[in-house]
Amino acid sequence: MTVHEFAHGWVAYKLGDYTAKSMGRLTLNPLAHIDPFGTILLPILIFIASGGRFIFGAAKPVPINYLALKNPRKDMIWIGLSGPVANILLAIAVRIIWSVFPASSALVDTFSMFIFINIILGVFNLIPIPPLDGSRVLMGLLPEDIALSYAKIEPYGFFIIMLLFMLGFFQAFVWPLVALILNILGV
């Protein structure tokens, strides 16, 4: 999650928004990205409630001041894509390291889990439901009036995501894409 949030802040910084930098959030220090509820309490509660079958959490989002961006609508797309792309690139980098330096079985398990988690984070965050990154991309592509209306569902986003999970959306769409990418990476 640290690399994901850093990527958002770094791209926003490059596009003219210095908010994350001025707030000390343009860092790879994981402590700067911990949200007490989303990073600690929520994963514990979901893990317990699901009987250990599911875990979900979130980092503290990097603050973005869209008014500081040079081209807010276009830049929103790049900022939204930056986190998922960072996760996928990190997974690819670890896979390359793994292939160059053969590892012990314990290290292979660690590499596999690291790659798996980053691919899930990357794919999951591309879902166009606010507050996920895919919604930022979609809002940057939609006509402004529709994007503003779409943004109003953000307070209900977590509930929409949970409903989609219960209805099998993730089994039907997210997991097959994750499996495809893992297969391509040979994991």
N, C-alpha and C. Protein backbone atom coordinates (compact mmCIF):
# COMPACT_ATOMS: atom_id res chain seq x y z
N MET A 1 0.83 -1.19 0.00
CA MET A 1 0.00 0.00 0.00
C MET A 1 0.87 1.26 0.00
N THR A 2 2.04 1.16 0.60
CA THR A 2 2.94 2.31 0.69
C THR A 2 3.36 2.77 -0.70
N VAL A 3 3.79 1.84 -1.54
CA VAL A 3 4.23 2.19 -2.89
C VAL A 3 3.04 2.75 -3.69
N HIS A 4 1.88 2.17 -3.50
CA HIS A 4 0.66 2.61 -4.17
C HIS A 4 0.36 4.08 -3.85
N GLU A 5 0.33 4.40 -2.56
CA GLU A 5 0.02 5.78 -2.15
C GLU A 5 1.14 6.74 -2.54
N PHE A 6 2.38 6.30 -2.41
CA PHE A 6 3.50 7.14 -2.84
C PHE A 6 3.36 7.50 -4.31
N ALA A 7 2.98 6.50 -5.14
CA ALA A 7 2.84 6.75 -6.58
C ALA A 7 1.80 7.83 -6.86
N HIS A 8 0.67 7.78 -6.14
CA HIS A 8 -0.34 8.83 -6.31
C HIS A 8 0.27 10.20 -5.99
N GLY A 9 0.94 10.30 -4.85
CA GLY A 9 1.52 11.57 -4.43
C GLY A 9 2.59 12.06 -5.38
N TRP A 10 3.44 11.14 -5.85
CA TRP A 10 4.54 11.51 -6.75
C TRP A 10 4.01 12.03 -8.08
N VAL A 11 3.01 11.33 -8.66
CA VAL A 11 2.44 11.77 -9.93
C VAL A 11 1.75 13.12 -9.75
N ALA A 12 1.00 13.28 -8.66
CA ALA A 12 0.34 14.58 -8.40
C ALA A 12 1.40 15.68 -8.27
N TYR A 13 2.48 15.39 -7.58
CA TYR A 13 3.58 16.35 -7.42
C TYR A 13 4.15 16.74 -8.78
N LYS A 14 4.37 15.76 -9.64
CA LYS A 14 4.92 16.03 -10.97
C LYS A 14 3.94 16.83 -11.84
N LEU A 15 2.65 16.73 -11.50
CA LEU A 15 1.63 17.44 -12.27
C LEU A 15 1.23 18.78 -11.65
N GLY A 16 1.95 19.17 -10.60
CA GLY A 16 1.74 20.51 -10.04
C GLY A 16 1.13 20.60 -8.67
N ASP A 17 0.74 19.49 -8.05
CA ASP A 17 0.14 19.52 -6.71
C ASP A 17 1.19 19.12 -5.68
N TYR A 18 1.54 20.07 -4.81
CA TYR A 18 2.57 19.83 -3.80
C TYR A 18 1.99 19.45 -2.44
N THR A 19 0.70 19.16 -2.38
CA THR A 19 0.03 18.88 -1.11
C THR A 19 0.65 17.71 -0.37
N ALA A 20 0.81 16.57 -1.04
CA ALA A 20 1.37 15.39 -0.37
C ALA A 20 2.77 15.67 0.14
N LYS A 21 3.57 16.36 -0.64
CA LYS A 21 4.94 16.69 -0.23
C LYS A 21 4.93 17.60 0.99
N SER A 22 4.09 18.61 0.97
CA SER A 22 4.06 19.56 2.09
C SER A 22 3.50 18.93 3.37
N MET A 23 2.75 17.84 3.25
CA MET A 23 2.18 17.17 4.41
C MET A 23 3.02 15.96 4.86
N GLY A 24 4.19 15.78 4.24
CA GLY A 24 5.06 14.67 4.61
C GLY A 24 4.56 13.32 4.12
N ARG A 25 3.71 13.31 3.13
CA ARG A 25 3.12 12.06 2.64
C ARG A 25 3.78 11.56 1.35
N LEU A 26 4.72 12.34 0.81
CA LEU A 26 5.45 11.91 -0.38
C LEU A 26 6.67 11.13 0.11
N THR A 27 6.38 9.94 0.68
CA THR A 27 7.40 9.13 1.31
C THR A 27 7.07 7.65 1.16
N LEU A 28 8.11 6.84 1.21
CA LEU A 28 7.92 5.38 1.21
C LEU A 28 7.88 4.83 2.64
N ASN A 29 7.86 5.71 3.63
CA ASN A 29 7.74 5.29 5.02
C ASN A 29 6.30 4.83 5.24
N PRO A 30 6.09 3.53 5.53
CA PRO A 30 4.73 3.04 5.69
C PRO A 30 3.96 3.69 6.83
N LEU A 31 4.64 4.19 7.83
CA LEU A 31 3.95 4.83 8.96
C LEU A 31 3.16 6.06 8.52
N ALA A 32 3.61 6.73 7.47
CA ALA A 32 2.92 7.93 6.99
C ALA A 32 1.60 7.59 6.30
N HIS A 33 1.41 6.33 5.94
CA HIS A 33 0.23 5.93 5.17
C HIS A 33 -0.75 5.07 5.96
N ILE A 34 -0.49 4.88 7.25
CA ILE A 34 -1.38 4.07 8.08
C ILE A 34 -2.60 4.88 8.50
N ASP A 35 -3.75 4.30 8.26
CA ASP A 35 -5.01 4.86 8.73
C ASP A 35 -5.49 3.94 9.86
N PRO A 36 -5.69 4.46 11.08
CA PRO A 36 -6.06 3.58 12.19
C PRO A 36 -7.26 2.67 11.89
N PHE A 37 -8.26 3.21 11.23
CA PHE A 37 -9.43 2.38 10.92
C PHE A 37 -9.16 1.47 9.73
N GLY A 38 -8.80 2.05 8.58
CA GLY A 38 -8.68 1.30 7.34
C GLY A 38 -7.52 0.32 7.29
N THR A 39 -6.43 0.63 7.97
CA THR A 39 -5.24 -0.22 7.90
C THR A 39 -5.17 -1.22 9.05
N ILE A 40 -5.79 -0.90 10.17
CA ILE A 40 -5.66 -1.77 11.34
C ILE A 40 -7.00 -2.39 11.73
N LEU A 41 -7.97 -1.57 12.12
CA LEU A 41 -9.23 -2.08 12.66
C LEU A 41 -10.08 -2.81 11.61
N LEU A 42 -10.28 -2.21 10.44
CA LEU A 42 -11.12 -2.81 9.40
C LEU A 42 -10.61 -4.20 8.97
N PRO A 43 -9.31 -4.37 8.67
CA PRO A 43 -8.85 -5.72 8.30
C PRO A 43 -9.07 -6.76 9.40
N ILE A 44 -8.87 -6.36 10.65
CA ILE A 44 -9.08 -7.29 11.77
C ILE A 44 -10.56 -7.68 11.85
N LEU A 45 -11.45 -6.70 11.76
CA LEU A 45 -12.88 -6.98 11.85
C LEU A 45 -13.36 -7.87 10.70
N ILE A 46 -12.91 -7.58 9.48
CA ILE A 46 -13.33 -8.37 8.32
C ILE A 46 -12.76 -9.78 8.40
N PHE A 47 -11.52 -9.90 8.84
CA PHE A 47 -10.89 -11.22 8.99
C PHE A 47 -11.68 -12.07 9.99
N ILE A 48 -12.04 -11.47 11.11
CA ILE A 48 -12.81 -12.18 12.14
C ILE A 48 -14.22 -12.52 11.63
N ALA A 49 -14.88 -11.52 11.02
CA ALA A 49 -16.25 -11.72 10.54
C ALA A 49 -16.34 -12.78 9.44
N SER A 50 -15.27 -12.91 8.64
CA SER A 50 -15.29 -13.89 7.54
C SER A 50 -14.72 -15.23 7.96
N GLY A 51 -14.43 -15.39 9.23
CA GLY A 51 -13.86 -16.65 9.70
C GLY A 51 -12.47 -16.90 9.14
N GLY A 52 -11.75 -15.83 8.86
CA GLY A 52 -10.39 -15.96 8.35
C GLY A 52 -10.30 -16.21 6.85
N ARG A 53 -11.42 -16.10 6.13
CA ARG A 53 -11.43 -16.36 4.69
C ARG A 53 -11.18 -15.11 3.85
N PHE A 54 -11.31 -13.94 4.43
CA PHE A 54 -11.23 -12.72 3.64
C PHE A 54 -10.62 -11.61 4.50
N ILE A 55 -9.84 -10.79 3.85
CA ILE A 55 -9.28 -9.63 4.55
C ILE A 55 -9.28 -8.46 3.57
N PHE A 56 -9.56 -7.30 4.08
CA PHE A 56 -9.63 -6.10 3.26
C PHE A 56 -9.19 -4.94 4.12
N GLY A 57 -8.42 -4.06 3.56
CA GLY A 57 -7.98 -2.89 4.30
C GLY A 57 -7.66 -1.77 3.34
N ALA A 58 -7.25 -0.65 3.90
CA ALA A 58 -6.94 0.52 3.09
C ALA A 58 -5.90 1.37 3.78
N ALA A 59 -5.09 2.00 2.99
CA ALA A 59 -4.13 2.97 3.52
C ALA A 59 -4.83 4.33 3.61
N LYS A 60 -4.21 5.24 4.33
CA LYS A 60 -4.71 6.61 4.37
C LYS A 60 -4.45 7.22 2.99
N PRO A 61 -5.49 7.66 2.30
CA PRO A 61 -5.27 8.20 0.95
C PRO A 61 -4.36 9.43 0.98
N VAL A 62 -3.50 9.52 -0.02
CA VAL A 62 -2.64 10.69 -0.17
C VAL A 62 -3.53 11.87 -0.56
N PRO A 63 -3.40 13.00 0.12
CA PRO A 63 -4.24 14.16 -0.23
C PRO A 63 -3.86 14.73 -1.60
N ILE A 64 -4.87 14.98 -2.40
CA ILE A 64 -4.68 15.56 -3.73
C ILE A 64 -5.54 16.81 -3.82
N ASN A 65 -4.94 17.91 -4.21
CA ASN A 65 -5.67 19.15 -4.45
C ASN A 65 -5.80 19.29 -5.96
N TYR A 66 -6.94 18.88 -6.48
CA TYR A 66 -7.13 18.87 -7.93
C TYR A 66 -7.07 20.28 -8.52
N LEU A 67 -7.35 21.29 -7.72
CA LEU A 67 -7.28 22.67 -8.22
C LEU A 67 -5.84 23.12 -8.46
N ALA A 68 -4.88 22.44 -7.84
CA ALA A 68 -3.47 22.79 -8.02
C ALA A 68 -2.87 22.15 -9.27
N LEU A 69 -3.59 21.22 -9.87
CA LEU A 69 -3.08 20.52 -11.04
C LEU A 69 -3.16 21.40 -12.29
N LYS A 70 -2.28 21.14 -13.21
CA LYS A 70 -2.24 21.93 -14.44
C LYS A 70 -3.47 21.68 -15.30
N ASN A 71 -3.89 20.43 -15.39
CA ASN A 71 -5.07 20.05 -16.18
C ASN A 71 -5.85 19.03 -15.35
N PRO A 72 -6.68 19.48 -14.40
CA PRO A 72 -7.30 18.58 -13.42
C PRO A 72 -7.99 17.35 -13.98
N ARG A 73 -8.76 17.48 -15.04
CA ARG A 73 -9.51 16.32 -15.55
C ARG A 73 -8.57 15.27 -16.14
N LYS A 74 -7.61 15.69 -16.93
CA LYS A 74 -6.66 14.75 -17.53
C LYS A 74 -5.71 14.22 -16.45
N ASP A 75 -5.25 15.10 -15.58
CA ASP A 75 -4.30 14.70 -14.54
C ASP A 75 -4.92 13.70 -13.56
N MET A 76 -6.23 13.83 -13.33
CA MET A 76 -6.93 12.90 -12.44
C MET A 76 -6.79 11.47 -12.96
N ILE A 77 -6.80 11.30 -14.27
CA ILE A 77 -6.65 9.97 -14.87
C ILE A 77 -5.28 9.40 -14.53
N TRP A 78 -4.23 10.21 -14.73
CA TRP A 78 -2.86 9.74 -14.47
C TRP A 78 -2.63 9.45 -12.99
N ILE A 79 -3.17 10.30 -12.14
CA ILE A 79 -3.03 10.07 -10.70
C ILE A 79 -3.77 8.80 -10.30
N GLY A 80 -4.97 8.61 -10.83
CA GLY A 80 -5.74 7.41 -10.53
C GLY A 80 -5.05 6.14 -11.00
N LEU A 81 -4.44 6.17 -12.17
CA LEU A 81 -3.75 5.00 -12.71
C LEU A 81 -2.43 4.71 -11.99
N SER A 82 -1.82 5.74 -11.43
CA SER A 82 -0.47 5.59 -10.89
C SER A 82 -0.36 4.55 -9.78
N GLY A 83 -1.32 4.47 -8.87
CA GLY A 83 -1.26 3.50 -7.78
C GLY A 83 -1.35 2.07 -8.27
N PRO A 84 -2.39 1.71 -9.04
CA PRO A 84 -2.48 0.35 -9.58
C PRO A 84 -1.29 -0.02 -10.47
N VAL A 85 -0.84 0.91 -11.30
CA VAL A 85 0.31 0.63 -12.16
C VAL A 85 1.55 0.38 -11.29
N ALA A 86 1.71 1.15 -10.22
CA ALA A 86 2.85 0.94 -9.32
C ALA A 86 2.80 -0.46 -8.72
N ASN A 87 1.61 -0.92 -8.31
CA ASN A 87 1.48 -2.27 -7.76
C ASN A 87 1.86 -3.34 -8.79
N ILE A 88 1.40 -3.17 -10.00
CA ILE A 88 1.68 -4.16 -11.04
C ILE A 88 3.16 -4.15 -11.41
N LEU A 89 3.75 -2.95 -11.53
CA LEU A 89 5.18 -2.86 -11.83
C LEU A 89 6.03 -3.45 -10.70
N LEU A 90 5.61 -3.24 -9.47
CA LEU A 90 6.33 -3.81 -8.33
C LEU A 90 6.27 -5.34 -8.38
N ALA A 91 5.12 -5.89 -8.72
CA ALA A 91 4.98 -7.34 -8.85
C ALA A 91 5.89 -7.87 -9.96
N ILE A 92 5.93 -7.17 -11.08
CA ILE A 92 6.79 -7.58 -12.20
C ILE A 92 8.26 -7.52 -11.79
N ALA A 93 8.65 -6.45 -11.08
CA ALA A 93 10.05 -6.31 -10.63
C ALA A 93 10.44 -7.46 -9.70
N VAL A 94 9.55 -7.82 -8.78
CA VAL A 94 9.85 -8.93 -7.87
C VAL A 94 9.92 -10.24 -8.65
N ARG A 95 9.07 -10.41 -9.65
CA ARG A 95 9.12 -11.63 -10.46
C ARG A 95 10.45 -11.72 -11.21
N ILE A 96 10.94 -10.60 -11.71
CA ILE A 96 12.23 -10.59 -12.42
C ILE A 96 13.36 -10.93 -11.45
N ILE A 97 13.34 -10.32 -10.28
CA ILE A 97 14.36 -10.62 -9.26
C ILE A 97 14.32 -12.10 -8.91
N TRP A 98 13.14 -12.64 -8.74
CA TRP A 98 12.95 -14.05 -8.41
C TRP A 98 13.54 -14.95 -9.50
N SER A 99 13.34 -14.56 -10.77
CA SER A 99 13.85 -15.40 -11.86
C SER A 99 15.38 -15.30 -12.00
N VAL A 100 15.96 -14.18 -11.64
CA VAL A 100 17.40 -13.98 -11.74
C VAL A 100 18.13 -14.64 -10.57
N PHE A 101 17.54 -14.54 -9.39
CA PHE A 101 18.15 -15.10 -8.19
C PHE A 101 17.27 -16.22 -7.65
N PRO A 102 17.53 -17.46 -8.07
CA PRO A 102 16.72 -18.57 -7.55
C PRO A 102 16.72 -18.56 -6.02
N ALA A 103 15.57 -18.84 -5.46
CA ALA A 103 15.40 -18.69 -4.02
C ALA A 103 15.03 -20.00 -3.35
N SER A 104 15.17 -20.01 -2.05
CA SER A 104 14.74 -21.15 -1.25
C SER A 104 13.21 -21.22 -1.28
N SER A 105 12.65 -22.35 -0.85
CA SER A 105 11.19 -22.50 -0.89
C SER A 105 10.49 -21.47 -0.02
N ALA A 106 11.09 -21.10 1.12
CA ALA A 106 10.47 -20.08 1.98
C ALA A 106 10.45 -18.73 1.27
N LEU A 107 11.52 -18.42 0.58
CA LEU A 107 11.59 -17.15 -0.14
C LEU A 107 10.65 -17.16 -1.35
N VAL A 108 10.52 -18.32 -2.00
CA VAL A 108 9.59 -18.44 -3.12
C VAL A 108 8.17 -18.17 -2.64
N ASP A 109 7.80 -18.72 -1.48
CA ASP A 109 6.48 -18.46 -0.92
C ASP A 109 6.28 -16.97 -0.64
N THR A 110 7.31 -16.32 -0.12
CA THR A 110 7.24 -14.88 0.17
C THR A 110 7.10 -14.08 -1.11
N PHE A 111 7.93 -14.41 -2.12
CA PHE A 111 7.84 -13.72 -3.41
C PHE A 111 6.45 -13.92 -4.03
N SER A 112 5.97 -15.15 -4.01
CA SER A 112 4.66 -15.46 -4.59
C SER A 112 3.56 -14.65 -3.92
N MET A 113 3.57 -14.61 -2.59
CA MET A 113 2.54 -13.87 -1.86
C MET A 113 2.65 -12.36 -2.14
N PHE A 114 3.87 -11.85 -2.19
CA PHE A 114 4.10 -10.43 -2.48
C PHE A 114 3.54 -10.07 -3.86
N ILE A 115 3.85 -10.90 -4.84
CA ILE A 115 3.35 -10.67 -6.20
C ILE A 115 1.83 -10.77 -6.23
N PHE A 116 1.29 -11.79 -5.60
CA PHE A 116 -0.16 -12.01 -5.55
C PHE A 116 -0.87 -10.80 -4.94
N ILE A 117 -0.39 -10.32 -3.80
CA ILE A 117 -1.01 -9.18 -3.12
C ILE A 117 -0.95 -7.94 -3.99
N ASN A 118 0.19 -7.68 -4.63
CA ASN A 118 0.31 -6.48 -5.46
C ASN A 118 -0.57 -6.55 -6.70
N ILE A 119 -0.72 -7.72 -7.29
CA ILE A 119 -1.60 -7.85 -8.45
C ILE A 119 -3.05 -7.65 -8.02
N ILE A 120 -3.43 -8.22 -6.89
CA ILE A 120 -4.80 -8.01 -6.39
C ILE A 120 -5.04 -6.52 -6.12
N LEU A 121 -4.10 -5.86 -5.44
CA LEU A 121 -4.26 -4.43 -5.16
C LEU A 121 -4.39 -3.63 -6.45
N GLY A 122 -3.55 -3.94 -7.42
CA GLY A 122 -3.59 -3.21 -8.68
C GLY A 122 -4.91 -3.39 -9.42
N VAL A 123 -5.34 -4.64 -9.57
CA VAL A 123 -6.58 -4.93 -10.30
C VAL A 123 -7.80 -4.42 -9.53
N PHE A 124 -7.84 -4.72 -8.24
CA PHE A 124 -8.98 -4.29 -7.41
C PHE A 124 -9.17 -2.78 -7.47
N ASN A 125 -8.07 -2.03 -7.37
CA ASN A 125 -8.17 -0.57 -7.36
C ASN A 125 -8.58 0.02 -8.69
N LEU A 126 -8.55 -0.77 -9.75
CA LEU A 126 -9.01 -0.28 -11.05
C LEU A 126 -10.52 -0.37 -11.22
N ILE A 127 -11.22 -0.99 -10.26
CA ILE A 127 -12.67 -1.04 -10.33
C ILE A 127 -13.20 0.40 -10.23
N PRO A 128 -14.10 0.78 -11.14
CA PRO A 128 -14.56 2.17 -11.17
C PRO A 128 -15.68 2.50 -10.18
N ILE A 129 -15.46 2.14 -8.92
CA ILE A 129 -16.41 2.48 -7.85
C ILE A 129 -15.68 3.42 -6.89
N PRO A 130 -16.22 4.63 -6.66
CA PRO A 130 -15.55 5.52 -5.70
C PRO A 130 -15.50 4.87 -4.33
N PRO A 131 -14.46 4.95 -3.60
CA PRO A 131 -13.28 5.81 -3.77
C PRO A 131 -12.11 5.11 -4.46
N LEU A 132 -12.34 3.97 -5.11
CA LEU A 132 -11.23 3.25 -5.76
C LEU A 132 -10.68 4.06 -6.94
N ASP A 133 -9.43 3.77 -7.29
CA ASP A 133 -8.74 4.55 -8.31
C ASP A 133 -9.40 4.50 -9.68
N GLY A 134 -10.03 3.38 -10.00
CA GLY A 134 -10.72 3.28 -11.28
C GLY A 134 -11.80 4.33 -11.43
N SER A 135 -12.39 4.74 -10.31
CA SER A 135 -13.42 5.79 -10.38
C SER A 135 -12.80 7.13 -10.75
N ARG A 136 -11.57 7.37 -10.32
CA ARG A 136 -10.88 8.62 -10.68
C ARG A 136 -10.60 8.65 -12.18
N VAL A 137 -10.20 7.50 -12.70
CA VAL A 137 -9.96 7.39 -14.14
C VAL A 137 -11.26 7.62 -14.89
N LEU A 138 -12.33 6.94 -14.47
CA LEU A 138 -13.62 7.08 -15.14
C LEU A 138 -14.11 8.53 -15.07
N MET A 139 -13.99 9.17 -13.89
CA MET A 139 -14.46 10.55 -13.76
C MET A 139 -13.66 11.50 -14.65
N GLY A 140 -12.39 11.19 -14.89
CA GLY A 140 -11.59 12.02 -15.78
C GLY A 140 -11.99 11.86 -17.24
N LEU A 141 -12.63 10.73 -17.56
CA LEU A 141 -13.04 10.46 -18.93
C LEU A 141 -14.48 10.89 -19.22
N LEU A 142 -15.32 10.90 -18.19
CA LEU A 142 -16.73 11.26 -18.36
C LEU A 142 -16.90 12.76 -18.60
N PRO A 143 -17.99 13.16 -19.26
CA PRO A 143 -18.30 14.59 -19.32
C PRO A 143 -18.43 15.14 -17.90
N GLU A 144 -18.06 16.38 -17.72
CA GLU A 144 -17.95 16.96 -16.37
C GLU A 144 -19.23 16.84 -15.56
N ASP A 145 -20.40 17.10 -16.15
CA ASP A 145 -21.64 17.03 -15.39
C ASP A 145 -21.94 15.61 -14.91
N ILE A 146 -21.66 14.63 -15.76
CA ILE A 146 -21.88 13.23 -15.37
C ILE A 146 -20.86 12.81 -14.32
N ALA A 147 -19.61 13.26 -14.49
CA ALA A 147 -18.55 12.94 -13.51
C ALA A 147 -18.91 13.49 -12.13
N LEU A 148 -19.44 14.70 -12.08
CA LEU A 148 -19.82 15.29 -10.79
C LEU A 148 -20.96 14.51 -10.15
N SER A 149 -21.93 14.07 -10.95
CA SER A 149 -23.02 13.26 -10.42
C SER A 149 -22.50 11.91 -9.93
N TYR A 150 -21.60 11.31 -10.70
CA TYR A 150 -21.03 10.01 -10.34
C TYR A 150 -20.24 10.11 -9.03
N ALA A 151 -19.54 11.20 -8.83
CA ALA A 151 -18.73 11.39 -7.62
C ALA A 151 -19.60 11.39 -6.37
N LYS A 152 -20.87 11.71 -6.50
CA LYS A 152 -21.76 11.78 -5.34
C LYS A 152 -22.06 10.42 -4.71
N ILE A 153 -21.72 9.32 -5.41
CA ILE A 153 -21.96 8.00 -4.81
C ILE A 153 -20.81 7.57 -3.90
N GLU A 154 -19.75 8.38 -3.82
CA GLU A 154 -18.58 7.99 -3.02
C GLU A 154 -18.91 7.63 -1.57
N PRO A 155 -19.80 8.33 -0.87
CA PRO A 155 -20.10 7.92 0.51
C PRO A 155 -20.67 6.50 0.61
N TYR A 156 -21.20 5.99 -0.49
CA TYR A 156 -21.80 4.66 -0.50
C TYR A 156 -20.88 3.61 -1.14
N GLY A 157 -19.70 4.05 -1.57
CA GLY A 157 -18.79 3.18 -2.31
C GLY A 157 -18.43 1.90 -1.59
N PHE A 158 -18.10 1.99 -0.30
CA PHE A 158 -17.72 0.80 0.46
C PHE A 158 -18.86 -0.21 0.46
N PHE A 159 -20.09 0.27 0.63
CA PHE A 159 -21.25 -0.62 0.66
C PHE A 159 -21.51 -1.23 -0.73
N ILE A 160 -21.29 -0.44 -1.77
CA ILE A 160 -21.44 -0.96 -3.13
C ILE A 160 -20.41 -2.06 -3.39
N ILE A 161 -19.18 -1.82 -2.95
CA ILE A 161 -18.11 -2.82 -3.13
C ILE A 161 -18.46 -4.10 -2.37
N MET A 162 -18.93 -3.97 -1.14
CA MET A 162 -19.31 -5.16 -0.36
C MET A 162 -20.47 -5.91 -1.02
N LEU A 163 -21.45 -5.17 -1.56
CA LEU A 163 -22.58 -5.79 -2.25
C LEU A 163 -22.10 -6.54 -3.49
N LEU A 164 -21.22 -5.92 -4.26
CA LEU A 164 -20.67 -6.58 -5.44
C LEU A 164 -19.90 -7.84 -5.05
N PHE A 165 -19.19 -7.77 -3.94
CA PHE A 165 -18.46 -8.95 -3.46
C PHE A 165 -19.44 -10.08 -3.14
N MET A 166 -20.51 -9.75 -2.43
CA MET A 166 -21.49 -10.77 -2.04
C MET A 166 -22.23 -11.33 -3.25
N LEU A 167 -22.39 -10.53 -4.30
CA LEU A 167 -23.09 -10.98 -5.51
C LEU A 167 -22.18 -11.76 -6.46
N GLY A 168 -20.92 -11.91 -6.11
CA GLY A 168 -20.00 -12.69 -6.93
C GLY A 168 -19.26 -11.94 -8.01
N PHE A 169 -19.32 -10.60 -7.97
CA PHE A 169 -18.62 -9.79 -8.98
C PHE A 169 -17.13 -10.11 -9.02
N PHE A 170 -16.54 -10.25 -7.84
CA PHE A 170 -15.09 -10.47 -7.78
C PHE A 170 -14.74 -11.85 -8.32
N GLN A 171 -15.59 -12.84 -8.03
CA GLN A 171 -15.35 -14.18 -8.56
C GLN A 171 -15.45 -14.18 -10.09
N ALA A 172 -16.38 -13.40 -10.62
CA ALA A 172 -16.63 -13.40 -12.06
C ALA A 172 -15.67 -12.53 -12.85
N PHE A 173 -15.20 -11.43 -12.28
CA PHE A 173 -14.41 -10.48 -13.05
C PHE A 173 -13.01 -10.22 -12.51
N VAL A 174 -12.89 -9.99 -11.21
CA VAL A 174 -11.59 -9.62 -10.63
C VAL A 174 -10.66 -10.82 -10.58
N TRP A 175 -11.12 -11.94 -9.99
CA TRP A 175 -10.24 -13.10 -9.84
C TRP A 175 -9.74 -13.63 -11.17
N PRO A 176 -10.58 -13.73 -12.23
CA PRO A 176 -10.04 -14.20 -13.51
C PRO A 176 -8.93 -13.29 -14.07
N LEU A 177 -9.08 -11.99 -13.90
CA LEU A 177 -8.05 -11.06 -14.37
C LEU A 177 -6.77 -11.21 -13.55
N VAL A 178 -6.92 -11.35 -12.23
CA VAL A 178 -5.77 -11.59 -11.36
C VAL A 178 -5.08 -12.88 -11.78
N ALA A 179 -5.85 -13.94 -12.00
CA ALA A 179 -5.29 -15.24 -12.40
C ALA A 179 -4.56 -15.14 -13.74
N LEU A 180 -5.12 -14.39 -14.68
CA LEU A 180 -4.48 -14.21 -15.98
C LEU A 180 -3.12 -13.54 -15.83
N ILE A 181 -3.06 -12.46 -15.06
CA ILE A 181 -1.80 -11.74 -14.88
C ILE A 181 -0.78 -12.62 -14.15
N LEU A 182 -1.23 -13.34 -13.12
CA LEU A 182 -0.33 -14.25 -12.41
C LEU A 182 0.20 -15.33 -13.35
N ASN A 183 -0.68 -15.83 -14.21
CA ASN A 183 -0.28 -16.85 -15.19
C ASN A 183 0.77 -16.29 -16.15
N ILE A 184 0.56 -15.08 -16.62
CA ILE A 184 1.52 -14.43 -17.52
C ILE A 184 2.88 -14.28 -16.82
N LEU A 185 2.84 -13.95 -15.53
CA LEU A 185 4.07 -13.79 -14.76
C LEU A 185 4.68 -15.12 -14.33
N GLY A 186 3.95 -16.20 -14.55
CA GLY A 186 4.46 -17.51 -14.17
C GLY A 186 4.46 -17.76 -12.68
N VAL A 187 3.47 -17.21 -12.00
CA VAL A 187 3.37 -17.37 -10.54
C VAL A 187 2.22 -18.31 -10.23
